[in-house]
Amino acid sequence: MKGLMPLDPTFFLSDPTGPGDLLPTLEFDRNPTVLLVFAANRFTRNAARFLHQRYGIGAMDWRMMVMLTKEPDIPVSRASKVIGIDKAAVSRSLTRLHKNGLAEPKIPSGDSRRKSWSLTEKGRQLHKEILDLALHRQQKILEGFSEDEVLTLNAMLGRLLENISSLDNGEEESE
């Protein structure tokens, strides 16, 4: 999709009217990045509350359990890169999972800096239990969406992630 004309930035701005010195700012209803952040924050808060109340773990811990299921024996640096969370947060989550008997490190050749992590049997069982509920909750969130709409949404989010990566890599255009 590269090569399309960039969107006019004013499309994303509010048109302040009313008393006082209101300034233009981001218009929530027309700004997908704002809506994405709002949706992600609300989803994470809701999931965190549910996971904590039911299982005593946080949303980050669930993400790490998914990551360890998808890629067993994964080092912190790889997990951090894949899920887009800093290494310190990944390490804290793995420490919590380890303390709860849900994950265990493997230390190759005695070098603790090169740990890789996997779920324990207890962690795999908990993952299986939560996965069933997570899929049910996801169906509620996506109620009214067709399979094609979900695939389109996923494709758009994938493009957003690619574009965000270009910001991470310093590929921003200077003005």
N, C-alpha and C. Protein backbone atom coordinates (compact mmCIF):
# COMPACT_ATOMS: atom_id res chain seq x y z
N MET A 1 0.81 -1.20 0.00
CA MET A 1 0.00 0.00 0.00
C MET A 1 0.85 1.26 0.00
N LYS A 2 2.16 1.09 0.00
CA LYS A 2 3.02 2.27 -0.07
C LYS A 2 2.75 3.01 -1.37
N GLY A 3 2.94 4.29 -1.35
CA GLY A 3 2.73 5.08 -2.54
C GLY A 3 1.40 5.82 -2.56
N LEU A 4 0.50 5.48 -1.64
CA LEU A 4 -0.75 6.22 -1.56
C LEU A 4 -0.46 7.61 -1.00
N MET A 5 -1.31 8.55 -1.36
CA MET A 5 -1.15 9.90 -0.83
C MET A 5 -1.41 9.88 0.68
N PRO A 6 -0.59 10.58 1.44
CA PRO A 6 -0.84 10.62 2.90
C PRO A 6 -2.16 11.32 3.20
N LEU A 7 -2.76 10.93 4.29
CA LEU A 7 -4.01 11.54 4.72
C LEU A 7 -3.75 12.96 5.19
N ASP A 8 -4.70 13.84 4.96
CA ASP A 8 -4.60 15.22 5.42
C ASP A 8 -4.65 15.22 6.95
N PRO A 9 -3.63 15.74 7.62
CA PRO A 9 -3.60 15.73 9.09
C PRO A 9 -4.80 16.41 9.73
N THR A 10 -5.40 17.37 9.05
CA THR A 10 -6.55 18.07 9.66
C THR A 10 -7.76 17.15 9.78
N PHE A 11 -7.78 16.06 9.02
CA PHE A 11 -8.86 15.07 9.13
C PHE A 11 -8.96 14.53 10.56
N PHE A 12 -7.84 14.46 11.26
CA PHE A 12 -7.77 13.86 12.58
C PHE A 12 -7.95 14.86 13.72
N LEU A 13 -8.18 16.14 13.38
CA LEU A 13 -8.25 17.18 14.40
C LEU A 13 -9.69 17.58 14.69
N SER A 14 -9.90 17.99 15.94
CA SER A 14 -11.20 18.54 16.31
C SER A 14 -11.28 19.97 15.81
N ASP A 15 -12.49 20.44 15.68
CA ASP A 15 -12.72 21.83 15.30
C ASP A 15 -13.28 22.52 16.52
N PRO A 16 -12.42 23.14 17.31
CA PRO A 16 -12.89 23.69 18.58
C PRO A 16 -13.82 24.88 18.38
N THR A 17 -14.96 24.76 18.99
CA THR A 17 -15.90 25.88 19.02
C THR A 17 -16.44 25.96 20.43
N GLY A 18 -16.73 27.11 20.86
CA GLY A 18 -17.26 27.28 22.20
C GLY A 18 -16.52 28.36 22.93
N PRO A 19 -16.87 28.51 24.21
CA PRO A 19 -16.23 29.58 24.99
C PRO A 19 -14.77 29.28 25.29
N GLY A 20 -14.01 30.30 25.47
CA GLY A 20 -12.61 30.15 25.87
C GLY A 20 -11.69 30.01 24.68
N ASP A 21 -10.46 29.71 25.02
CA ASP A 21 -9.41 29.58 24.00
C ASP A 21 -9.15 28.11 23.69
N LEU A 22 -10.15 27.45 23.11
CA LEU A 22 -9.97 26.05 22.76
C LEU A 22 -9.04 25.94 21.56
N LEU A 23 -8.15 24.97 21.62
CA LEU A 23 -7.21 24.73 20.53
C LEU A 23 -7.58 23.45 19.80
N PRO A 24 -7.21 23.36 18.54
CA PRO A 24 -7.42 22.08 17.85
C PRO A 24 -6.63 20.98 18.57
N THR A 25 -7.21 19.81 18.62
CA THR A 25 -6.53 18.65 19.18
C THR A 25 -7.06 17.41 18.48
N LEU A 26 -6.61 16.26 18.87
CA LEU A 26 -7.05 15.03 18.23
C LEU A 26 -8.54 14.80 18.42
N GLU A 27 -9.22 14.46 17.35
CA GLU A 27 -10.64 14.12 17.39
C GLU A 27 -10.73 12.62 17.63
N PHE A 28 -11.30 12.25 18.76
CA PHE A 28 -11.33 10.84 19.15
C PHE A 28 -12.04 9.97 18.12
N ASP A 29 -13.18 10.40 17.63
CA ASP A 29 -14.00 9.56 16.76
C ASP A 29 -13.41 9.31 15.38
N ARG A 30 -12.50 10.16 14.95
CA ARG A 30 -11.91 10.00 13.61
C ARG A 30 -10.45 9.57 13.66
N ASN A 31 -9.95 9.25 14.82
CA ASN A 31 -8.53 8.96 14.94
C ASN A 31 -8.33 7.50 15.34
N PRO A 32 -7.95 6.64 14.39
CA PRO A 32 -7.82 5.22 14.70
C PRO A 32 -6.76 4.92 15.75
N THR A 33 -5.70 5.72 15.81
CA THR A 33 -4.68 5.44 16.83
C THR A 33 -5.22 5.72 18.22
N VAL A 34 -6.02 6.76 18.37
CA VAL A 34 -6.63 7.05 19.66
C VAL A 34 -7.62 5.95 20.03
N LEU A 35 -8.48 5.57 19.08
CA LEU A 35 -9.46 4.51 19.35
C LEU A 35 -8.78 3.19 19.66
N LEU A 36 -7.68 2.90 18.98
CA LEU A 36 -6.93 1.67 19.24
C LEU A 36 -6.38 1.66 20.66
N VAL A 37 -5.81 2.77 21.08
CA VAL A 37 -5.28 2.87 22.44
C VAL A 37 -6.41 2.75 23.47
N PHE A 38 -7.51 3.44 23.23
CA PHE A 38 -8.65 3.34 24.15
C PHE A 38 -9.13 1.89 24.25
N ALA A 39 -9.28 1.23 23.09
CA ALA A 39 -9.75 -0.16 23.08
C ALA A 39 -8.75 -1.08 23.77
N ALA A 40 -7.48 -0.90 23.50
CA ALA A 40 -6.45 -1.74 24.11
C ALA A 40 -6.40 -1.54 25.63
N ASN A 41 -6.49 -0.30 26.06
CA ASN A 41 -6.48 -0.02 27.50
C ASN A 41 -7.69 -0.64 28.19
N ARG A 42 -8.85 -0.46 27.60
CA ARG A 42 -10.07 -1.02 28.20
C ARG A 42 -10.03 -2.54 28.21
N PHE A 43 -9.58 -3.13 27.10
CA PHE A 43 -9.47 -4.58 27.02
C PHE A 43 -8.48 -5.11 28.05
N THR A 44 -7.33 -4.48 28.16
CA THR A 44 -6.30 -4.94 29.11
C THR A 44 -6.80 -4.80 30.54
N ARG A 45 -7.43 -3.68 30.86
CA ARG A 45 -7.95 -3.47 32.21
C ARG A 45 -9.00 -4.54 32.55
N ASN A 46 -9.89 -4.81 31.61
CA ASN A 46 -10.94 -5.81 31.81
C ASN A 46 -10.33 -7.20 31.97
N ALA A 47 -9.39 -7.55 31.10
CA ALA A 47 -8.74 -8.86 31.16
C ALA A 47 -7.94 -9.01 32.44
N ALA A 48 -7.24 -7.95 32.83
CA ALA A 48 -6.43 -8.01 34.06
C ALA A 48 -7.31 -8.27 35.28
N ARG A 49 -8.43 -7.57 35.34
CA ARG A 49 -9.36 -7.77 36.47
C ARG A 49 -9.87 -9.20 36.49
N PHE A 50 -10.30 -9.69 35.34
CA PHE A 50 -10.82 -11.05 35.23
C PHE A 50 -9.75 -12.08 35.63
N LEU A 51 -8.55 -11.96 35.07
CA LEU A 51 -7.49 -12.92 35.34
C LEU A 51 -7.05 -12.89 36.80
N HIS A 52 -6.98 -11.69 37.35
CA HIS A 52 -6.55 -11.57 38.74
C HIS A 52 -7.59 -12.18 39.69
N GLN A 53 -8.85 -11.85 39.46
CA GLN A 53 -9.91 -12.36 40.34
C GLN A 53 -10.04 -13.87 40.24
N ARG A 54 -9.94 -14.40 39.04
CA ARG A 54 -10.19 -15.82 38.83
C ARG A 54 -8.97 -16.71 39.03
N TYR A 55 -7.76 -16.18 38.64
CA TYR A 55 -6.57 -17.03 38.64
C TYR A 55 -5.38 -16.47 39.41
N GLY A 56 -5.49 -15.23 39.87
CA GLY A 56 -4.39 -14.63 40.62
C GLY A 56 -3.19 -14.24 39.78
N ILE A 57 -3.41 -14.07 38.47
CA ILE A 57 -2.33 -13.62 37.59
C ILE A 57 -2.78 -12.36 36.88
N GLY A 58 -1.83 -11.65 36.28
CA GLY A 58 -2.14 -10.43 35.55
C GLY A 58 -2.21 -10.66 34.05
N ALA A 59 -2.61 -9.63 33.34
CA ALA A 59 -2.72 -9.70 31.88
C ALA A 59 -1.34 -9.95 31.25
N MET A 60 -0.31 -9.33 31.80
CA MET A 60 1.03 -9.55 31.27
C MET A 60 1.45 -11.01 31.48
N ASP A 61 1.09 -11.58 32.60
CA ASP A 61 1.43 -12.98 32.87
C ASP A 61 0.73 -13.90 31.87
N TRP A 62 -0.52 -13.59 31.55
CA TRP A 62 -1.25 -14.38 30.55
C TRP A 62 -0.57 -14.26 29.19
N ARG A 63 -0.16 -13.05 28.82
CA ARG A 63 0.55 -12.87 27.54
C ARG A 63 1.81 -13.73 27.51
N MET A 64 2.52 -13.75 28.63
CA MET A 64 3.75 -14.55 28.67
C MET A 64 3.43 -16.04 28.63
N MET A 65 2.35 -16.47 29.24
CA MET A 65 1.96 -17.89 29.16
C MET A 65 1.65 -18.26 27.71
N VAL A 66 0.99 -17.37 26.98
CA VAL A 66 0.71 -17.61 25.57
C VAL A 66 2.03 -17.68 24.80
N MET A 67 2.92 -16.75 25.08
CA MET A 67 4.22 -16.72 24.40
C MET A 67 5.00 -18.01 24.67
N LEU A 68 5.02 -18.45 25.93
CA LEU A 68 5.77 -19.66 26.29
C LEU A 68 5.13 -20.92 25.71
N THR A 69 3.84 -20.87 25.45
CA THR A 69 3.16 -22.00 24.81
C THR A 69 3.49 -22.01 23.32
N LYS A 70 3.50 -20.83 22.74
CA LYS A 70 3.78 -20.70 21.31
C LYS A 70 5.24 -21.01 21.00
N GLU A 71 6.14 -20.51 21.85
CA GLU A 71 7.58 -20.71 21.65
C GLU A 71 8.24 -21.15 22.96
N PRO A 72 8.17 -22.44 23.28
CA PRO A 72 8.84 -22.91 24.51
C PRO A 72 10.35 -22.67 24.41
N ASP A 73 10.99 -22.58 25.55
CA ASP A 73 12.45 -22.35 25.62
C ASP A 73 12.85 -21.03 24.97
N ILE A 74 12.11 -20.00 25.28
CA ILE A 74 12.34 -18.69 24.67
C ILE A 74 13.11 -17.79 25.64
N PRO A 75 14.12 -17.08 25.15
CA PRO A 75 14.81 -16.11 26.01
C PRO A 75 14.00 -14.82 26.16
N VAL A 76 14.29 -14.09 27.20
CA VAL A 76 13.59 -12.83 27.49
C VAL A 76 13.66 -11.89 26.30
N SER A 77 14.83 -11.77 25.67
CA SER A 77 14.98 -10.81 24.57
C SER A 77 14.05 -11.14 23.41
N ARG A 78 13.89 -12.41 23.09
CA ARG A 78 12.99 -12.81 21.99
C ARG A 78 11.53 -12.53 22.37
N ALA A 79 11.15 -12.92 23.58
CA ALA A 79 9.77 -12.69 24.03
C ALA A 79 9.45 -11.19 24.00
N SER A 80 10.39 -10.39 24.45
CA SER A 80 10.21 -8.95 24.47
C SER A 80 9.97 -8.40 23.07
N LYS A 81 10.75 -8.88 22.13
CA LYS A 81 10.63 -8.41 20.75
C LYS A 81 9.30 -8.83 20.14
N VAL A 82 8.90 -10.08 20.36
CA VAL A 82 7.69 -10.60 19.73
C VAL A 82 6.44 -9.88 20.25
N ILE A 83 6.33 -9.71 21.57
CA ILE A 83 5.11 -9.11 22.10
C ILE A 83 5.19 -7.59 22.26
N GLY A 84 6.36 -7.03 21.99
CA GLY A 84 6.50 -5.58 22.00
C GLY A 84 6.47 -4.96 23.39
N ILE A 85 6.97 -5.68 24.37
CA ILE A 85 7.04 -5.20 25.75
C ILE A 85 8.51 -5.18 26.16
N ASP A 86 8.90 -4.20 26.96
CA ASP A 86 10.30 -4.09 27.34
C ASP A 86 10.76 -5.31 28.16
N LYS A 87 12.07 -5.57 28.09
CA LYS A 87 12.65 -6.76 28.73
C LYS A 87 12.41 -6.79 30.23
N ALA A 88 12.40 -5.65 30.87
CA ALA A 88 12.21 -5.61 32.33
C ALA A 88 10.81 -6.12 32.69
N ALA A 89 9.80 -5.71 31.94
CA ALA A 89 8.42 -6.17 32.20
C ALA A 89 8.30 -7.67 31.94
N VAL A 90 8.94 -8.15 30.89
CA VAL A 90 8.93 -9.58 30.59
C VAL A 90 9.60 -10.34 31.73
N SER A 91 10.74 -9.86 32.19
CA SER A 91 11.47 -10.53 33.29
C SER A 91 10.64 -10.55 34.57
N ARG A 92 9.97 -9.45 34.88
CA ARG A 92 9.13 -9.42 36.09
C ARG A 92 7.99 -10.43 35.99
N SER A 93 7.39 -10.51 34.82
CA SER A 93 6.31 -11.48 34.62
C SER A 93 6.82 -12.90 34.76
N LEU A 94 7.95 -13.20 34.15
CA LEU A 94 8.52 -14.55 34.24
C LEU A 94 8.88 -14.89 35.69
N THR A 95 9.35 -13.91 36.43
CA THR A 95 9.66 -14.13 37.85
C THR A 95 8.39 -14.48 38.61
N ARG A 96 7.30 -13.76 38.35
CA ARG A 96 6.02 -14.07 39.00
C ARG A 96 5.54 -15.48 38.63
N LEU A 97 5.62 -15.79 37.34
CA LEU A 97 5.19 -17.12 36.89
C LEU A 97 6.04 -18.21 37.54
N HIS A 98 7.33 -17.96 37.67
CA HIS A 98 8.23 -18.92 38.30
C HIS A 98 7.88 -19.11 39.78
N LYS A 99 7.64 -18.01 40.47
CA LYS A 99 7.29 -18.10 41.90
C LYS A 99 5.99 -18.86 42.11
N ASN A 100 5.08 -18.80 41.12
CA ASN A 100 3.80 -19.51 41.21
C ASN A 100 3.88 -20.93 40.64
N GLY A 101 5.08 -21.35 40.25
CA GLY A 101 5.26 -22.70 39.74
C GLY A 101 4.71 -22.90 38.34
N LEU A 102 4.53 -21.81 37.58
CA LEU A 102 3.93 -21.88 36.26
C LEU A 102 4.96 -21.87 35.12
N ALA A 103 6.16 -21.39 35.40
CA ALA A 103 7.21 -21.33 34.38
C ALA A 103 8.54 -21.66 35.05
N GLU A 104 9.47 -22.14 34.22
CA GLU A 104 10.79 -22.47 34.75
C GLU A 104 11.86 -22.07 33.74
N PRO A 105 12.99 -21.60 34.28
CA PRO A 105 14.09 -21.23 33.38
C PRO A 105 14.99 -22.43 33.11
N LYS A 106 15.63 -22.39 31.98
CA LYS A 106 16.70 -23.32 31.66
C LYS A 106 17.94 -22.47 31.47
N ILE A 107 19.02 -22.88 32.11
CA ILE A 107 20.25 -22.10 32.03
C ILE A 107 21.30 -22.94 31.30
N PRO A 108 21.52 -22.64 30.03
CA PRO A 108 22.50 -23.42 29.27
C PRO A 108 23.93 -23.10 29.71
N SER A 109 24.70 -24.13 29.91
CA SER A 109 26.12 -24.02 30.27
C SER A 109 26.39 -23.07 31.43
N GLY A 110 25.46 -23.02 32.39
CA GLY A 110 25.68 -22.24 33.61
C GLY A 110 25.69 -20.73 33.43
N ASP A 111 25.35 -20.22 32.28
CA ASP A 111 25.34 -18.78 32.04
C ASP A 111 23.94 -18.24 32.27
N SER A 112 23.70 -17.66 33.45
CA SER A 112 22.35 -17.21 33.81
C SER A 112 21.85 -16.07 32.92
N ARG A 113 22.73 -15.42 32.19
CA ARG A 113 22.31 -14.35 31.28
C ARG A 113 21.65 -14.91 30.03
N ARG A 114 21.78 -16.20 29.81
CA ARG A 114 21.24 -16.81 28.58
C ARG A 114 20.07 -17.74 28.90
N LYS A 115 19.33 -17.43 29.94
CA LYS A 115 18.17 -18.25 30.33
C LYS A 115 17.16 -18.32 29.21
N SER A 116 16.54 -19.48 29.12
CA SER A 116 15.35 -19.60 28.27
C SER A 116 14.24 -20.12 29.18
N TRP A 117 13.02 -19.81 28.82
CA TRP A 117 11.88 -20.08 29.70
C TRP A 117 10.85 -20.97 29.02
N SER A 118 10.22 -21.81 29.83
CA SER A 118 9.14 -22.67 29.37
C SER A 118 8.10 -22.77 30.48
N LEU A 119 6.89 -23.16 30.10
CA LEU A 119 5.86 -23.41 31.10
C LEU A 119 6.12 -24.76 31.77
N THR A 120 5.76 -24.85 33.03
CA THR A 120 5.77 -26.13 33.73
C THR A 120 4.49 -26.87 33.36
N GLU A 121 4.34 -28.08 33.84
CA GLU A 121 3.09 -28.82 33.60
C GLU A 121 1.92 -28.05 34.22
N LYS A 122 2.12 -27.51 35.42
CA LYS A 122 1.08 -26.70 36.06
C LYS A 122 0.73 -25.49 35.20
N GLY A 123 1.74 -24.86 34.60
CA GLY A 123 1.53 -23.71 33.72
C GLY A 123 0.78 -24.11 32.46
N ARG A 124 1.12 -25.26 31.89
CA ARG A 124 0.41 -25.73 30.69
C ARG A 124 -1.05 -26.01 30.99
N GLN A 125 -1.32 -26.58 32.15
CA GLN A 125 -2.71 -26.86 32.54
C GLN A 125 -3.49 -25.57 32.73
N LEU A 126 -2.88 -24.60 33.40
CA LEU A 126 -3.56 -23.31 33.61
C LEU A 126 -3.78 -22.62 32.27
N HIS A 127 -2.79 -22.67 31.38
CA HIS A 127 -2.94 -22.08 30.06
C HIS A 127 -4.15 -22.68 29.35
N LYS A 128 -4.27 -23.98 29.38
CA LYS A 128 -5.39 -24.66 28.72
C LYS A 128 -6.72 -24.18 29.30
N GLU A 129 -6.80 -24.07 30.61
CA GLU A 129 -8.03 -23.63 31.26
C GLU A 129 -8.38 -22.19 30.88
N ILE A 130 -7.39 -21.32 30.93
CA ILE A 130 -7.63 -19.91 30.61
C ILE A 130 -7.93 -19.74 29.12
N LEU A 131 -7.28 -20.52 28.27
CA LEU A 131 -7.48 -20.40 26.83
C LEU A 131 -8.94 -20.59 26.45
N ASP A 132 -9.58 -21.59 27.04
CA ASP A 132 -10.99 -21.81 26.75
C ASP A 132 -11.83 -20.58 27.09
N LEU A 133 -11.56 -19.97 28.24
CA LEU A 133 -12.30 -18.77 28.63
C LEU A 133 -11.91 -17.56 27.79
N ALA A 134 -10.63 -17.46 27.43
CA ALA A 134 -10.16 -16.35 26.61
C ALA A 134 -10.85 -16.39 25.23
N LEU A 135 -11.00 -17.57 24.68
CA LEU A 135 -11.68 -17.69 23.39
C LEU A 135 -13.15 -17.30 23.51
N HIS A 136 -13.78 -17.67 24.60
CA HIS A 136 -15.17 -17.29 24.84
C HIS A 136 -15.29 -15.76 24.96
N ARG A 137 -14.39 -15.16 25.71
CA ARG A 137 -14.40 -13.71 25.88
C ARG A 137 -14.13 -13.01 24.54
N GLN A 138 -13.23 -13.57 23.74
CA GLN A 138 -12.93 -12.99 22.44
C GLN A 138 -14.17 -13.03 21.54
N GLN A 139 -14.91 -14.13 21.60
CA GLN A 139 -16.14 -14.20 20.80
C GLN A 139 -17.12 -13.11 21.20
N LYS A 140 -17.22 -12.83 22.48
CA LYS A 140 -18.11 -11.75 22.93
C LYS A 140 -17.63 -10.40 22.39
N ILE A 141 -16.33 -10.17 22.42
CA ILE A 141 -15.76 -8.91 21.95
C ILE A 141 -15.99 -8.74 20.45
N LEU A 142 -15.91 -9.83 19.71
CA LEU A 142 -16.05 -9.77 18.25
C LEU A 142 -17.47 -10.07 17.77
N GLU A 143 -18.41 -10.04 18.69
CA GLU A 143 -19.81 -10.30 18.33
C GLU A 143 -20.25 -9.31 17.25
N GLY A 144 -20.89 -9.85 16.22
CA GLY A 144 -21.37 -9.01 15.12
C GLY A 144 -20.36 -8.84 14.00
N PHE A 145 -19.13 -9.33 14.19
CA PHE A 145 -18.12 -9.27 13.14
C PHE A 145 -18.19 -10.55 12.31
N SER A 146 -18.06 -10.43 11.01
CA SER A 146 -17.96 -11.62 10.16
C SER A 146 -16.50 -12.08 10.15
N GLU A 147 -16.29 -13.29 9.67
CA GLU A 147 -14.91 -13.80 9.56
C GLU A 147 -14.09 -12.89 8.64
N ASP A 148 -14.69 -12.45 7.54
CA ASP A 148 -13.98 -11.55 6.61
C ASP A 148 -13.61 -10.23 7.30
N GLU A 149 -14.53 -9.71 8.12
CA GLU A 149 -14.23 -8.46 8.84
C GLU A 149 -13.08 -8.65 9.82
N VAL A 150 -13.04 -9.79 10.48
CA VAL A 150 -11.94 -10.07 11.42
C VAL A 150 -10.63 -10.15 10.64
N LEU A 151 -10.64 -10.82 9.51
CA LEU A 151 -9.42 -10.91 8.70
C LEU A 151 -8.98 -9.53 8.21
N THR A 152 -9.95 -8.70 7.81
CA THR A 152 -9.63 -7.33 7.38
C THR A 152 -9.05 -6.52 8.54
N LEU A 153 -9.68 -6.62 9.71
CA LEU A 153 -9.18 -5.93 10.89
C LEU A 153 -7.75 -6.38 11.20
N ASN A 154 -7.52 -7.69 11.16
CA ASN A 154 -6.18 -8.21 11.43
C ASN A 154 -5.16 -7.68 10.42
N ALA A 155 -5.55 -7.62 9.15
CA ALA A 155 -4.65 -7.10 8.12
C ALA A 155 -4.32 -5.63 8.38
N MET A 156 -5.34 -4.86 8.76
CA MET A 156 -5.11 -3.44 9.04
C MET A 156 -4.22 -3.26 10.27
N LEU A 157 -4.48 -4.04 11.30
CA LEU A 157 -3.64 -3.95 12.50
C LEU A 157 -2.21 -4.38 12.19
N GLY A 158 -2.07 -5.38 11.33
CA GLY A 158 -0.73 -5.79 10.89
C GLY A 158 0.01 -4.67 10.19
N ARG A 159 -0.71 -3.95 9.33
CA ARG A 159 -0.08 -2.79 8.65
C ARG A 159 0.28 -1.71 9.65
N LEU A 160 -0.60 -1.47 10.63
CA LEU A 160 -0.27 -0.49 11.67
C LEU A 160 1.01 -0.90 12.40
N LEU A 161 1.12 -2.18 12.75
CA LEU A 161 2.32 -2.66 13.44
C LEU A 161 3.57 -2.46 12.59
N GLU A 162 3.46 -2.73 11.29
CA GLU A 162 4.60 -2.49 10.39
C GLU A 162 4.99 -1.02 10.38
N ASN A 163 3.98 -0.15 10.29
CA ASN A 163 4.26 1.28 10.27
C ASN A 163 4.86 1.75 11.59
N ILE A 164 4.40 1.18 12.69
CA ILE A 164 4.97 1.51 14.00
C ILE A 164 6.42 1.06 14.05
N SER A 165 6.72 -0.10 13.48
CA SER A 165 8.09 -0.60 13.44
C SER A 165 9.01 0.37 12.71
N SER A 166 8.48 1.01 11.66
CA SER A 166 9.32 1.98 10.95
C SER A 166 9.64 3.17 11.85
N LEU A 167 8.71 3.52 12.76
CA LEU A 167 9.01 4.59 13.74
C LEU A 167 10.09 4.11 14.70
N ASP A 168 9.97 2.84 15.15
CA ASP A 168 10.96 2.27 16.06
C ASP A 168 12.34 2.25 15.44
N ASN A 169 12.40 2.05 14.12
CA ASN A 169 13.67 1.95 13.43
C ASN A 169 14.22 3.30 12.97
N GLY A 170 13.57 4.38 13.41
CA GLY A 170 14.06 5.72 13.07
C GLY A 170 13.83 6.10 11.63
N GLU A 171 12.82 5.51 10.98
CA GLU A 171 12.54 5.81 9.60
C GLU A 171 11.57 6.96 9.44
N GLU A 172 11.41 7.77 10.49
CA GLU A 172 10.50 8.91 10.40
C GLU A 172 11.08 9.94 9.44
N GLU A 173 10.18 10.59 8.74
CA GLU A 173 10.61 11.67 7.87
C GLU A 173 10.76 12.93 8.72
N SER A 174 11.82 13.62 8.53
CA SER A 174 11.97 14.89 9.24
C SER A 174 11.32 15.97 8.40
N GLU A 175 10.75 16.93 9.11
CA GLU A 175 10.03 18.00 8.39
C GLU A 175 10.91 19.19 8.23
